[in-house]
Amino acid sequence: MDKQKTVELKGEVMESLPNAAFKVRLDDGRTIFAHLAGKMRIHHIKVMIGDKVILEMTPYDQTKGRIIKRE
């Protein structure tokens, strides 16, 4: 993803799905599908239900995102 064309949002993990995928509720109330970014997989950073996360989304598809950081 091009850094200039992404949107960063905060949310909370609601459900854990197979293959490092999650259902995340954003701060504005929307629920989206998100997967772990490559750096989080490489460094084995665990994400659990209830964790606050920062997501990176493209402005073209507002239903999917990528978890880039755990708070």
N, C-alpha and C. Protein backbone atom coordinates (compact mmCIF):
# COMPACT_ATOMS: atom_id res chain seq x y z
N MET A 1 0.83 -1.19 0.00
CA MET A 1 0.00 0.00 0.00
C MET A 1 0.88 1.25 0.00
N ASP A 2 0.47 2.20 -0.74
CA ASP A 2 1.18 3.46 -0.77
C ASP A 2 0.87 4.23 0.51
N LYS A 3 1.89 4.72 1.19
CA LYS A 3 1.69 5.40 2.47
C LYS A 3 0.81 6.63 2.35
N GLN A 4 0.81 7.29 1.21
CA GLN A 4 0.03 8.51 1.06
C GLN A 4 -1.45 8.23 0.85
N LYS A 5 -1.80 7.01 0.46
CA LYS A 5 -3.19 6.71 0.15
C LYS A 5 -3.86 5.83 1.20
N THR A 6 -3.29 5.73 2.38
CA THR A 6 -3.90 4.90 3.41
C THR A 6 -4.48 5.77 4.51
N VAL A 7 -5.42 5.17 5.25
CA VAL A 7 -6.08 5.83 6.36
C VAL A 7 -5.81 4.98 7.60
N GLU A 8 -5.39 5.61 8.68
CA GLU A 8 -5.15 4.89 9.94
C GLU A 8 -6.31 5.15 10.88
N LEU A 9 -6.87 4.06 11.43
CA LEU A 9 -7.99 4.14 12.35
C LEU A 9 -7.71 3.27 13.57
N LYS A 10 -8.42 3.55 14.67
CA LYS A 10 -8.28 2.74 15.88
C LYS A 10 -9.53 1.89 16.05
N GLY A 11 -9.34 0.72 16.67
CA GLY A 11 -10.45 -0.17 16.90
C GLY A 11 -10.14 -1.18 17.99
N GLU A 12 -11.11 -2.07 18.21
CA GLU A 12 -10.99 -3.12 19.23
C GLU A 12 -11.32 -4.46 18.59
N VAL A 13 -10.51 -5.46 18.87
CA VAL A 13 -10.70 -6.79 18.31
C VAL A 13 -11.92 -7.43 18.97
N MET A 14 -12.87 -7.88 18.14
CA MET A 14 -14.10 -8.49 18.64
C MET A 14 -14.10 -10.01 18.52
N GLU A 15 -13.48 -10.52 17.45
CA GLU A 15 -13.52 -11.96 17.19
C GLU A 15 -12.25 -12.38 16.47
N SER A 16 -11.75 -13.54 16.82
CA SER A 16 -10.57 -14.10 16.17
C SER A 16 -11.02 -15.14 15.15
N LEU A 17 -10.50 -15.06 13.94
CA LEU A 17 -10.84 -15.96 12.85
C LEU A 17 -9.60 -16.73 12.42
N PRO A 18 -9.74 -17.78 11.62
CA PRO A 18 -8.56 -18.54 11.17
C PRO A 18 -7.61 -17.70 10.30
N ASN A 19 -6.36 -18.14 10.22
CA ASN A 19 -5.33 -17.53 9.37
C ASN A 19 -5.01 -16.08 9.75
N ALA A 20 -4.93 -15.81 11.03
CA ALA A 20 -4.56 -14.48 11.56
C ALA A 20 -5.48 -13.39 11.05
N ALA A 21 -6.77 -13.69 11.00
CA ALA A 21 -7.77 -12.71 10.61
C ALA A 21 -8.66 -12.39 11.82
N PHE A 22 -9.23 -11.20 11.81
CA PHE A 22 -10.00 -10.74 12.96
C PHE A 22 -11.19 -9.90 12.51
N LYS A 23 -12.24 -9.89 13.34
CA LYS A 23 -13.33 -8.93 13.19
C LYS A 23 -13.01 -7.81 14.17
N VAL A 24 -12.98 -6.58 13.67
CA VAL A 24 -12.59 -5.44 14.49
C VAL A 24 -13.71 -4.40 14.46
N ARG A 25 -14.06 -3.89 15.65
CA ARG A 25 -15.03 -2.80 15.74
C ARG A 25 -14.26 -1.49 15.84
N LEU A 26 -14.48 -0.62 14.87
CA LEU A 26 -13.80 0.67 14.85
C LEU A 26 -14.41 1.61 15.88
N ASP A 27 -13.70 2.69 16.18
CA ASP A 27 -14.19 3.67 17.15
C ASP A 27 -15.47 4.35 16.69
N ASP A 28 -15.70 4.40 15.37
CA ASP A 28 -16.93 5.03 14.88
C ASP A 28 -18.11 4.06 14.82
N GLY A 29 -17.92 2.80 15.26
CA GLY A 29 -19.02 1.85 15.36
C GLY A 29 -19.08 0.81 14.26
N ARG A 30 -18.34 1.00 13.17
CA ARG A 30 -18.36 0.02 12.08
C ARG A 30 -17.60 -1.23 12.48
N THR A 31 -17.98 -2.37 11.91
CA THR A 31 -17.27 -3.63 12.11
C THR A 31 -16.67 -4.04 10.77
N ILE A 32 -15.37 -4.32 10.78
CA ILE A 32 -14.67 -4.67 9.53
C ILE A 32 -13.87 -5.95 9.72
N PHE A 33 -13.42 -6.50 8.61
CA PHE A 33 -12.54 -7.68 8.57
C PHE A 33 -11.11 -7.17 8.46
N ALA A 34 -10.20 -7.69 9.30
CA ALA A 34 -8.81 -7.24 9.27
C ALA A 34 -7.86 -8.43 9.42
N HIS A 35 -6.68 -8.31 8.82
CA HIS A 35 -5.65 -9.33 8.96
C HIS A 35 -4.38 -8.67 9.51
N LEU A 36 -3.46 -9.50 9.99
CA LEU A 36 -2.22 -8.99 10.56
C LEU A 36 -1.26 -8.54 9.47
N ALA A 37 -0.57 -7.45 9.72
CA ALA A 37 0.47 -6.98 8.81
C ALA A 37 1.68 -7.92 8.91
N GLY A 38 2.52 -7.89 7.91
CA GLY A 38 3.68 -8.77 7.83
C GLY A 38 4.64 -8.63 9.00
N LYS A 39 4.92 -7.41 9.44
CA LYS A 39 5.85 -7.20 10.55
C LYS A 39 5.32 -7.82 11.84
N MET A 40 4.00 -7.79 12.04
CA MET A 40 3.43 -8.38 13.25
C MET A 40 3.53 -9.90 13.20
N ARG A 41 3.40 -10.49 12.02
CA ARG A 41 3.56 -11.93 11.88
C ARG A 41 5.01 -12.35 12.09
N ILE A 42 5.95 -11.60 11.49
CA ILE A 42 7.37 -11.92 11.59
C ILE A 42 7.85 -11.88 13.04
N HIS A 43 7.41 -10.89 13.80
CA HIS A 43 7.86 -10.72 15.18
C HIS A 43 6.96 -11.43 16.19
N HIS A 44 6.00 -12.23 15.71
CA HIS A 44 5.13 -13.05 16.55
C HIS A 44 4.39 -12.23 17.60
N ILE A 45 3.87 -11.08 17.21
CA ILE A 45 3.09 -10.24 18.13
C ILE A 45 1.68 -10.80 18.20
N LYS A 46 1.26 -11.17 19.40
CA LYS A 46 -0.04 -11.80 19.58
C LYS A 46 -1.13 -10.74 19.71
N VAL A 47 -2.25 -10.98 19.08
CA VAL A 47 -3.41 -10.12 19.18
C VAL A 47 -4.55 -10.97 19.70
N MET A 48 -5.20 -10.51 20.76
CA MET A 48 -6.27 -11.28 21.39
C MET A 48 -7.55 -10.46 21.42
N ILE A 49 -8.65 -11.14 21.69
CA ILE A 49 -9.95 -10.47 21.77
C ILE A 49 -9.91 -9.42 22.86
N GLY A 50 -10.40 -8.23 22.55
CA GLY A 50 -10.41 -7.13 23.50
C GLY A 50 -9.24 -6.18 23.36
N ASP A 51 -8.22 -6.53 22.58
CA ASP A 51 -7.06 -5.66 22.38
C ASP A 51 -7.43 -4.43 21.55
N LYS A 52 -6.85 -3.31 21.90
CA LYS A 52 -6.97 -2.09 21.10
C LYS A 52 -5.89 -2.13 20.03
N VAL A 53 -6.27 -1.86 18.79
CA VAL A 53 -5.33 -1.96 17.68
C VAL A 53 -5.44 -0.73 16.78
N ILE A 54 -4.39 -0.50 15.99
CA ILE A 54 -4.39 0.53 14.97
C ILE A 54 -4.41 -0.17 13.62
N LEU A 55 -5.35 0.24 12.76
CA LEU A 55 -5.53 -0.39 11.46
C LEU A 55 -5.14 0.56 10.36
N GLU A 56 -4.71 -0.01 9.27
CA GLU A 56 -4.41 0.75 8.05
C GLU A 56 -5.42 0.29 7.00
N MET A 57 -6.12 1.26 6.41
CA MET A 57 -7.14 0.93 5.41
C MET A 57 -6.93 1.77 4.17
N THR A 58 -7.33 1.22 3.03
CA THR A 58 -7.30 1.97 1.79
C THR A 58 -8.62 2.74 1.68
N PRO A 59 -8.61 3.91 1.10
CA PRO A 59 -9.87 4.66 0.98
C PRO A 59 -10.85 4.05 -0.01
N TYR A 60 -10.41 3.07 -0.78
CA TYR A 60 -11.27 2.48 -1.81
C TYR A 60 -12.16 1.37 -1.28
N ASP A 61 -11.72 0.64 -0.25
CA ASP A 61 -12.50 -0.46 0.32
C ASP A 61 -12.56 -0.27 1.83
N GLN A 62 -13.69 0.17 2.33
CA GLN A 62 -13.83 0.47 3.75
C GLN A 62 -14.33 -0.72 4.57
N THR A 63 -14.29 -1.94 4.01
CA THR A 63 -14.74 -3.12 4.73
C THR A 63 -13.58 -4.02 5.15
N LYS A 64 -12.36 -3.74 4.69
CA LYS A 64 -11.19 -4.55 5.01
C LYS A 64 -10.05 -3.66 5.49
N GLY A 65 -9.21 -4.22 6.34
CA GLY A 65 -8.07 -3.47 6.85
C GLY A 65 -6.93 -4.37 7.22
N ARG A 66 -5.84 -3.74 7.67
CA ARG A 66 -4.63 -4.46 8.05
C ARG A 66 -4.21 -3.93 9.41
N ILE A 67 -4.03 -4.84 10.38
CA ILE A 67 -3.63 -4.45 11.73
C ILE A 67 -2.12 -4.21 11.71
N ILE A 68 -1.73 -2.96 12.00
CA ILE A 68 -0.32 -2.61 11.95
C ILE A 68 0.31 -2.42 13.33
N LYS A 69 -0.52 -2.28 14.39
CA LYS A 69 0.03 -2.03 15.71
C LYS A 69 -0.98 -2.42 16.78
N ARG A 70 -0.47 -2.95 17.89
CA ARG A 70 -1.32 -3.24 19.06
C ARG A 70 -0.98 -2.25 20.15
N GLU A 71 -2.00 -1.67 20.75
CA GLU A 71 -1.75 -0.68 21.80
C GLU A 71 -1.76 -1.33 23.17
